[in-house]
Amino acid sequence: MNGFYRGVRANVPLLPSVIAYSSVLGVLASQKSVAWTHMMALNLFMFAGSAQFVLVDMWSAPLPVLEMAVAAAVVNLRYILIGASLKDLFAGQGILKRLGIMHFVADENWAMTMVAARKGEGDVFHLLGGGMLLMFVWSCGTMAGMYLGGIIPDPRVLALDFAFTAVFSALAVSLWQGRQDAIPWVVAIAASVVTEHVVPGKWYILVGGILGAVSSVFLPEVEKDESSSVVEPCEVRENE
């Protein structure tokens, strides 16, 4: 099975959460009187769940286009960090191929590809396969939510709004590598919480991500050596 199909298969367990989360967006879009053509255009040309939620929440006539563009840009700034983490995966790939595949990158298939990469099974096609599957299911979910918008007046009654929290909690656990991750995680969480209470908007996403990443650079060498010493014996046993 090549990388594309491995990526598709790896993301299948996430689909129930994606369907629930996207259907909530569809319900909210229906309540905001967003046309299904506009919603589908956001699915295909933006494909960024968090940013789409922000845009739908701001959707009112006349559309505050500039404010919506700035808000979406702020929320999507995290893709700079995601792109940086994929540097080794994209090594040797042309700029057009990188841009094309990055369009299909979501938090879910990025996380699953990073997990696969640590096992030596992740590549750009793994990323693409998962992303294309998620885009298709996400689009179906939003359309279903818009169709059912009149039937489910308040998604919180069915706890559908918890789908986003549930799926990313599971992804975070899968990315945990050991106690060397504790300090960056604590810094990122603390920075995000403080920023959310002090700075309006979605800046806490970017601030938490950057400070968490920067803090890992200053980890004591002892921590890094301990993590590497755990891996080396495994490698020796495999070679034997």
C-alpha atoms as a PDB file:
ATOM      1  CA  MET A   1       0.000   0.000   0.000  1.00  0.00           C
ATOM      2  CA  ASN A   2       1.557   3.317  -1.068  1.00  0.00           C
ATOM      3  CA  GLY A   3       1.665   6.517   0.921  1.00  0.00           C
ATOM      4  CA  PHE A   4      -1.580   7.920  -0.465  1.00  0.00           C
ATOM      5  CA  TYR A   5      -3.669   4.975   0.671  1.00  0.00           C
ATOM      6  CA  ARG A   6      -1.844   4.789   3.994  1.00  0.00           C
ATOM      7  CA  GLY A   7      -2.818   8.411   4.544  1.00  0.00           C
ATOM      8  CA  VAL A   8      -6.439   7.688   3.678  1.00  0.00           C
ATOM      9  CA  ARG A   9      -6.557   4.694   6.015  1.00  0.00           C
ATOM     10  CA  ALA A  10      -4.835   6.560   8.872  1.00  0.00           C
ATOM     11  CA  ASN A  11      -7.466   9.290   8.835  1.00  0.00           C
ATOM     12  CA  VAL A  12     -10.529   7.048   8.661  1.00  0.00           C
ATOM     13  CA  PRO A  13     -10.861   6.795  12.489  1.00  0.00           C
ATOM     14  CA  LEU A  14     -11.125  10.600  12.626  1.00  0.00           C
ATOM     15  CA  LEU A  15     -14.080  10.809  10.237  1.00  0.00           C
ATOM     16  CA  PRO A  16     -16.887  10.608  12.835  1.00  0.00           C
ATOM     17  CA  SER A  17     -15.476  13.676  14.581  1.00  0.00           C
ATOM     18  CA  VAL A  18     -14.968  15.466  11.266  1.00  0.00           C
ATOM     19  CA  ILE A  19     -18.566  14.747  10.263  1.00  0.00           C
ATOM     20  CA  ALA A  20     -19.899  15.959  13.616  1.00  0.00           C
ATOM     21  CA  TYR A  21     -17.732  19.079  13.589  1.00  0.00           C
ATOM     22  CA  SER A  22     -18.498  19.991   9.974  1.00  0.00           C
ATOM     23  CA  SER A  23     -22.223  19.389  10.451  1.00  0.00           C
ATOM     24  CA  VAL A  24     -22.178  21.901  13.316  1.00  0.00           C
ATOM     25  CA  LEU A  25     -20.630  24.435  10.933  1.00  0.00           C
ATOM     26  CA  GLY A  26     -23.350  23.645   8.392  1.00  0.00           C
ATOM     27  CA  VAL A  27     -26.084  24.186  10.975  1.00  0.00           C
ATOM     28  CA  LEU A  28     -24.573  27.524  12.013  1.00  0.00           C
ATOM     29  CA  ALA A  29     -24.193  28.560   8.363  1.00  0.00           C
ATOM     30  CA  SER A  30     -27.847  27.723   7.733  1.00  0.00           C
ATOM     31  CA  GLN A  31     -28.898  29.875  10.684  1.00  0.00           C
ATOM     32  CA  LYS A  32     -26.787  32.723   9.278  1.00  0.00           C
ATOM     33  CA  SER A  33     -28.495  32.317   5.864  1.00  0.00           C
ATOM     34  CA  VAL A  34     -25.210  31.477   4.133  1.00  0.00           C
ATOM     35  CA  ALA A  35     -25.867  30.146   0.628  1.00  0.00           C
ATOM     36  CA  TRP A  36     -24.775  26.547   0.050  1.00  0.00           C
ATOM     37  CA  THR A  37     -22.689  27.707  -2.932  1.00  0.00           C
ATOM     38  CA  HIS A  38     -20.763  30.086  -0.684  1.00  0.00           C
ATOM     39  CA  MET A  39     -20.276  27.365   1.917  1.00  0.00           C
ATOM     40  CA  MET A  40     -18.991  24.928  -0.698  1.00  0.00           C
ATOM     41  CA  ALA A  41     -16.625  27.585  -2.048  1.00  0.00           C
ATOM     42  CA  LEU A  42     -15.180  27.999   1.472  1.00  0.00           C
ATOM     43  CA  ASN A  43     -14.812  24.211   1.736  1.00  0.00           C
ATOM     44  CA  LEU A  44     -12.933  23.883  -1.543  1.00  0.00           C
ATOM     45  CA  PHE A  45     -10.877  27.067  -1.695  1.00  0.00           C
ATOM     46  CA  MET A  46     -10.198  27.689   2.013  1.00  0.00           C
ATOM     47  CA  PHE A  47     -10.591  24.281   3.691  1.00  0.00           C
ATOM     48  CA  ALA A  48      -9.738  25.539   7.160  1.00  0.00           C
ATOM     49  CA  GLY A  49     -12.322  24.586   9.758  1.00  0.00           C
ATOM     50  CA  SER A  50     -11.429  27.087  12.467  1.00  0.00           C
ATOM     51  CA  ALA A  51     -11.267  29.988  10.008  1.00  0.00           C
ATOM     52  CA  GLN A  52     -14.564  28.924   8.442  1.00  0.00           C
ATOM     53  CA  PHE A  53     -16.240  28.976  11.852  1.00  0.00           C
ATOM     54  CA  VAL A  54     -14.919  32.498  12.406  1.00  0.00           C
ATOM     55  CA  LEU A  55     -16.184  33.674   9.007  1.00  0.00           C
ATOM     56  CA  VAL A  56     -19.632  32.140   9.478  1.00  0.00           C
ATOM     57  CA  ASP A  57     -19.874  33.737  12.912  1.00  0.00           C
ATOM     58  CA  MET A  58     -19.115  37.143  11.331  1.00  0.00           C
ATOM     59  CA  TRP A  59     -21.488  36.576   8.391  1.00  0.00           C
ATOM     60  CA  SER A  60     -23.982  39.449   8.197  1.00  0.00           C
ATOM     61  CA  ALA A  61     -25.174  41.863   5.540  1.00  0.00           C
ATOM     62  CA  PRO A  62     -23.315  43.826   4.396  1.00  0.00           C
ATOM     63  CA  LEU A  63     -20.380  41.470   4.688  1.00  0.00           C
ATOM     64  CA  PRO A  64     -17.447  42.975   6.648  1.00  0.00           C
ATOM     65  CA  VAL A  65     -15.015  41.671   4.028  1.00  0.00           C
ATOM     66  CA  LEU A  66     -11.871  43.338   5.387  1.00  0.00           C
ATOM     67  CA  GLU A  67     -12.534  42.292   8.978  1.00  0.00           C
ATOM     68  CA  MET A  68     -13.330  38.736   7.848  1.00  0.00           C
ATOM     69  CA  ALA A  69     -10.122  38.540   5.820  1.00  0.00           C
ATOM     70  CA  VAL A  70      -7.996  39.731   8.746  1.00  0.00           C
ATOM     71  CA  ALA A  71      -9.679  37.321  11.176  1.00  0.00           C
ATOM     72  CA  ALA A  72      -9.198  34.353   8.822  1.00  0.00           C
ATOM     73  CA  ALA A  73      -5.555  35.297   8.271  1.00  0.00           C
ATOM     74  CA  VAL A  74      -4.887  35.445  12.014  1.00  0.00           C
ATOM     75  CA  VAL A  75      -6.481  32.048  12.642  1.00  0.00           C
ATOM     76  CA  ASN A  76      -4.578  30.492   9.744  1.00  0.00           C
ATOM     77  CA  LEU A  77      -1.189  31.875  10.791  1.00  0.00           C
ATOM     78  CA  ARG A  78      -0.652  28.548  12.554  1.00  0.00           C
ATOM     79  CA  TYR A  79      -0.063  27.032   9.117  1.00  0.00           C
ATOM     80  CA  ILE A  80       3.287  28.803   9.079  1.00  0.00           C
ATOM     81  CA  LEU A  81       4.314  26.586  11.988  1.00  0.00           C
ATOM     82  CA  ILE A  82       2.721  23.532  10.385  1.00  0.00           C
ATOM     83  CA  GLY A  83       4.568  24.215   7.133  1.00  0.00           C
ATOM     84  CA  ALA A  84       7.851  24.593   8.989  1.00  0.00           C
ATOM     85  CA  SER A  85       7.321  21.207  10.667  1.00  0.00           C
ATOM     86  CA  LEU A  86       6.909  19.628   7.205  1.00  0.00           C
ATOM     87  CA  LYS A  87      10.231  20.958   5.887  1.00  0.00           C
ATOM     88  CA  ASP A  88      11.966  17.573   5.866  1.00  0.00           C
ATOM     89  CA  LEU A  89       8.922  15.858   4.379  1.00  0.00           C
ATOM     90  CA  PHE A  90       8.861  18.288   1.438  1.00  0.00           C
ATOM     91  CA  ALA A  91      12.621  18.103   0.818  1.00  0.00           C
ATOM     92  CA  GLY A  92      13.333  17.827  -2.916  1.00  0.00           C
ATOM     93  CA  GLN A  93       9.757  18.734  -3.944  1.00  0.00           C
ATOM     94  CA  GLY A  94       9.059  21.618  -6.330  1.00  0.00           C
ATOM     95  CA  ILE A  95       7.299  24.767  -5.163  1.00  0.00           C
ATOM     96  CA  LEU A  96       4.113  24.045  -7.139  1.00  0.00           C
ATOM     97  CA  LYS A  97       3.851  20.550  -5.678  1.00  0.00           C
ATOM     98  CA  ARG A  98       4.407  21.920  -2.174  1.00  0.00           C
ATOM     99  CA  LEU A  99       1.714  24.554  -2.595  1.00  0.00           C
ATOM    100  CA  GLY A 100      -0.717  22.060  -4.114  1.00  0.00           C
ATOM    101  CA  ILE A 101      -0.337  19.548  -1.296  1.00  0.00           C
ATOM    102  CA  MET A 102      -0.320  22.234   1.423  1.00  0.00           C
ATOM    103  CA  HIS A 103      -3.813  23.247   0.280  1.00  0.00           C
ATOM    104  CA  PHE A 104      -5.057  19.868   1.530  1.00  0.00           C
ATOM    105  CA  VAL A 105      -3.297  20.116   4.889  1.00  0.00           C
ATOM    106  CA  ALA A 106      -5.608  20.159   7.895  1.00  0.00           C
ATOM    107  CA  ASP A 107      -4.698  19.756  11.542  1.00  0.00           C
ATOM    108  CA  GLU A 108      -5.889  16.142  11.514  1.00  0.00           C
ATOM    109  CA  ASN A 109      -3.994  14.761   8.522  1.00  0.00           C
ATOM    110  CA  TRP A 110      -0.918  16.794   9.508  1.00  0.00           C
ATOM    111  CA  ALA A 111      -0.931  15.153  12.941  1.00  0.00           C
ATOM    112  CA  MET A 112      -1.450  11.660  11.513  1.00  0.00           C
ATOM    113  CA  THR A 113       1.342  12.202   8.972  1.00  0.00           C
ATOM    114  CA  MET A 114       3.737  13.385  11.676  1.00  0.00           C
ATOM    115  CA  VAL A 115       2.960  10.265  13.703  1.00  0.00           C
ATOM    116  CA  ALA A 116       3.564   8.109  10.615  1.00  0.00           C
ATOM    117  CA  ALA A 117       6.800   9.966   9.824  1.00  0.00           C
ATOM    118  CA  ARG A 118       8.211   9.028  13.219  1.00  0.00           C
ATOM    119  CA  LYS A 119       7.655   5.404  12.232  1.00  0.00           C
ATOM    120  CA  GLY A 120       9.301   5.923   8.847  1.00  0.00           C
ATOM    121  CA  GLU A 121       5.972   5.628   7.005  1.00  0.00           C
ATOM    122  CA  GLY A 122       5.065   9.276   6.416  1.00  0.00           C
ATOM    123  CA  ASP A 123       5.541  11.128   3.128  1.00  0.00           C
ATOM    124  CA  VAL A 124       3.870  13.852   1.081  1.00  0.00           C
ATOM    125  CA  PHE A 125       1.428  11.370  -0.436  1.00  0.00           C
ATOM    126  CA  HIS A 126       0.383  10.246   3.045  1.00  0.00           C
ATOM    127  CA  LEU A 127      -0.389  13.914   3.734  1.00  0.00           C
ATOM    128  CA  LEU A 128      -2.266  14.304   0.444  1.00  0.00           C
ATOM    129  CA  GLY A 129      -4.333  11.143   0.820  1.00  0.00           C
ATOM    130  CA  GLY A 130      -5.538  12.091   4.268  1.00  0.00           C
ATOM    131  CA  GLY A 131      -6.208  15.680   3.212  1.00  0.00           C
ATOM    132  CA  MET A 132      -8.307  14.772   0.181  1.00  0.00           C
ATOM    133  CA  LEU A 133     -10.371  12.353   2.256  1.00  0.00           C
ATOM    134  CA  LEU A 134     -10.929  14.991   4.937  1.00  0.00           C
ATOM    135  CA  MET A 135     -11.909  17.655   2.391  1.00  0.00           C
ATOM    136  CA  PHE A 136     -14.509  15.334   0.837  1.00  0.00           C
ATOM    137  CA  VAL A 137     -16.003  14.292   4.191  1.00  0.00           C
ATOM    138  CA  TRP A 138     -15.833  17.862   5.529  1.00  0.00           C
ATOM    139  CA  SER A 139     -17.756  19.138   2.499  1.00  0.00           C
ATOM    140  CA  CYS A 140     -20.395  16.414   2.848  1.00  0.00           C
ATOM    141  CA  GLY A 141     -20.746  17.200   6.553  1.00  0.00           C
ATOM    142  CA  THR A 142     -21.256  20.932   6.048  1.00  0.00           C
ATOM    143  CA  MET A 143     -23.858  20.333   3.337  1.00  0.00           C
ATOM    144  CA  ALA A 144     -25.691  17.853   5.572  1.00  0.00           C
ATOM    145  CA  GLY A 145     -25.600  20.362   8.426  1.00  0.00           C
ATOM    146  CA  MET A 146     -27.049  23.084   6.239  1.00  0.00           C
ATOM    147  CA  TYR A 147     -29.833  20.732   5.117  1.00  0.00           C
ATOM    148  CA  LEU A 148     -30.625  19.790   8.720  1.00  0.00           C
ATOM    149  CA  GLY A 149     -30.214  23.328  10.036  1.00  0.00           C
ATOM    150  CA  GLY A 150     -33.912  23.783  10.633  1.00  0.00           C
ATOM    151  CA  ILE A 151     -34.195  20.473  12.468  1.00  0.00           C
ATOM    152  CA  ILE A 152     -31.322  21.118  14.923  1.00  0.00           C
ATOM    153  CA  PRO A 153     -31.835  24.710  16.132  1.00  0.00           C
ATOM    154  CA  ASP A 154     -29.127  24.497  18.804  1.00  0.00           C
ATOM    155  CA  PRO A 155     -26.133  22.124  18.194  1.00  0.00           C
ATOM    156  CA  ARG A 156     -25.093  22.440  21.860  1.00  0.00           C
ATOM    157  CA  VAL A 157     -28.172  20.482  22.923  1.00  0.00           C
ATOM    158  CA  LEU A 158     -26.627  17.374  21.319  1.00  0.00           C
ATOM    159  CA  ALA A 159     -23.087  18.374  22.435  1.00  0.00           C
ATOM    160  CA  LEU A 160     -22.019  18.576  18.773  1.00  0.00           C
ATOM    161  CA  ASP A 161     -19.936  21.624  19.599  1.00  0.00           C
ATOM    162  CA  PHE A 162     -17.639  19.345  21.653  1.00  0.00           C
ATOM    163  CA  ALA A 163     -16.501  17.426  18.548  1.00  0.00           C
ATOM    164  CA  PHE A 164     -13.649  19.880  17.878  1.00  0.00           C
ATOM    165  CA  THR A 165     -12.310  19.576  21.435  1.00  0.00           C
ATOM    166  CA  ALA A 166     -12.591  15.786  21.428  1.00  0.00           C
ATOM    167  CA  VAL A 167     -10.711  15.157  18.178  1.00  0.00           C
ATOM    168  CA  PHE A 168      -7.819  17.499  19.008  1.00  0.00           C
ATOM    169  CA  SER A 169      -7.472  16.085  22.498  1.00  0.00           C
ATOM    170  CA  ALA A 170      -7.014  12.661  20.919  1.00  0.00           C
ATOM    171  CA  LEU A 171      -4.513  14.021  18.372  1.00  0.00           C
ATOM    172  CA  ALA A 172      -2.512  15.736  21.118  1.00  0.00           C
ATOM    173  CA  VAL A 173      -2.184  12.462  23.030  1.00  0.00           C
ATOM    174  CA  SER A 174      -0.934  10.682  19.900  1.00  0.00           C
ATOM    175  CA  LEU A 175       1.788  13.317  19.430  1.00  0.00           C
ATOM    176  CA  TRP A 176       3.110  13.059  22.999  1.00  0.00           C
ATOM    177  CA  GLN A 177       6.709  11.734  22.935  1.00  0.00           C
ATOM    178  CA  GLY A 178       7.545  11.782  26.629  1.00  0.00           C
ATOM    179  CA  ARG A 179       8.501  14.136  29.432  1.00  0.00           C
ATOM    180  CA  GLN A 180      10.721  16.200  27.112  1.00  0.00           C
ATOM    181  CA  ASP A 181       7.461  17.553  25.641  1.00  0.00           C
ATOM    182  CA  ALA A 182       6.124  18.721  28.999  1.00  0.00           C
ATOM    183  CA  ILE A 183       7.786  22.152  29.111  1.00  0.00           C
ATOM    184  CA  PRO A 184       6.829  23.236  25.548  1.00  0.00           C
ATOM    185  CA  TRP A 185       3.260  22.020  26.094  1.00  0.00           C
ATOM    186  CA  VAL A 186       2.913  23.871  29.411  1.00  0.00           C
ATOM    187  CA  VAL A 187       4.382  27.051  27.905  1.00  0.00           C
ATOM    188  CA  ALA A 188       2.082  26.851  24.871  1.00  0.00           C
ATOM    189  CA  ILE A 189      -1.028  26.236  26.979  1.00  0.00           C
ATOM    190  CA  ALA A 190      -0.199  28.973  29.486  1.00  0.00           C
ATOM    191  CA  ALA A 191       0.631  31.501  26.764  1.00  0.00           C
ATOM    192  CA  SER A 192      -2.590  30.704  24.893  1.00  0.00           C
ATOM    193  CA  VAL A 193      -4.775  31.059  27.990  1.00  0.00           C
ATOM    194  CA  VAL A 194      -3.172  34.353  29.055  1.00  0.00           C
ATOM    195  CA  THR A 195      -3.306  35.808  25.529  1.00  0.00           C
ATOM    196  CA  GLU A 196      -6.964  34.837  25.098  1.00  0.00           C
ATOM    197  CA  HIS A 197      -7.850  36.815  28.234  1.00  0.00           C
ATOM    198  CA  VAL A 198      -5.672  39.826  27.399  1.00  0.00           C
ATOM    199  CA  VAL A 199      -5.738  40.199  23.607  1.00  0.00           C
ATOM    200  CA  PRO A 200      -9.039  40.163  21.673  1.00  0.00           C
ATOM    201  CA  GLY A 201      -9.415  37.929  18.655  1.00  0.00           C
ATOM    202  CA  LYS A 202      -7.648  34.676  17.796  1.00  0.00           C
ATOM    203  CA  TRP A 203      -4.055  35.760  18.459  1.00  0.00           C
ATOM    204  CA  TYR A 204      -3.760  33.193  21.267  1.00  0.00           C
ATOM    205  CA  ILE A 205      -3.397  30.441  18.644  1.00  0.00           C
ATOM    206  CA  LEU A 206      -0.291  32.011  17.120  1.00  0.00           C
ATOM    207  CA  VAL A 207       1.209  33.192  20.438  1.00  0.00           C
ATOM    208  CA  GLY A 208       0.819  29.776  22.072  1.00  0.00           C
ATOM    209  CA  GLY A 209       2.302  27.950  19.092  1.00  0.00           C
ATOM    210  CA  ILE A 210       5.310  30.241  18.719  1.00  0.00           C
ATOM    211  CA  LEU A 211       6.192  30.411  22.423  1.00  0.00           C
ATOM    212  CA  GLY A 212       5.777  26.648  22.795  1.00  0.00           C
ATOM    213  CA  ALA A 213       8.113  26.045  19.855  1.00  0.00           C
ATOM    214  CA  VAL A 214      10.658  28.613  21.050  1.00  0.00           C
ATOM    215  CA  SER A 215      10.719  27.142  24.556  1.00  0.00           C
ATOM    216  CA  SER A 216      11.763  23.757  23.169  1.00  0.00           C
ATOM    217  CA  VAL A 217      14.909  25.349  21.750  1.00  0.00           C
ATOM    218  CA  PHE A 218      16.055  26.272  25.246  1.00  0.00           C
ATOM    219  CA  LEU A 219      15.514  22.862  26.807  1.00  0.00           C
ATOM    220  CA  PRO A 220      18.573  21.646  28.753  1.00  0.00           C
ATOM    221  CA  GLU A 221      20.883  19.381  26.811  1.00  0.00           C
ATOM    222  CA  VAL A 222      20.316  16.682  29.426  1.00  0.00           C
ATOM    223  CA  GLU A 223      16.689  16.420  28.365  1.00  0.00           C
ATOM    224  CA  LYS A 224      17.634  15.986  24.710  1.00  0.00           C
ATOM    225  CA  ASP A 225      20.307  13.441  25.513  1.00  0.00           C
ATOM    226  CA  GLU A 226      17.872  11.399  27.594  1.00  0.00           C
ATOM    227  CA  SER A 227      15.382  11.251  24.763  1.00  0.00           C
ATOM    228  CA  SER A 228      18.018  10.165  22.290  1.00  0.00           C
ATOM    229  CA  SER A 229      19.380   7.530  24.656  1.00  0.00           C
ATOM    230  CA  VAL A 230      15.961   5.894  24.723  1.00  0.00           C
ATOM    231  CA  VAL A 231      15.959   5.484  20.973  1.00  0.00           C
ATOM    232  CA  GLU A 232      19.467   4.215  20.387  1.00  0.00           C
ATOM    233  CA  PRO A 233      19.121   0.840  22.166  1.00  0.00           C
ATOM    234  CA  CYS A 234      16.012   0.128  20.111  1.00  0.00           C
ATOM    235  CA  GLU A 235      17.912   0.843  16.938  1.00  0.00           C
ATOM    236  CA  VAL A 236      20.715  -1.492  17.999  1.00  0.00           C
ATOM    237  CA  ARG A 237      18.272  -4.301  18.730  1.00  0.00           C
ATOM    238  CA  GLU A 238      16.604  -3.819  15.361  1.00  0.00           C
ATOM    239  CA  ASN A 239      19.946  -4.024  13.578  1.00  0.00           C
ATOM    240  CA  GLU A 240      20.850  -7.155  15.478  1.00  0.00           C
END
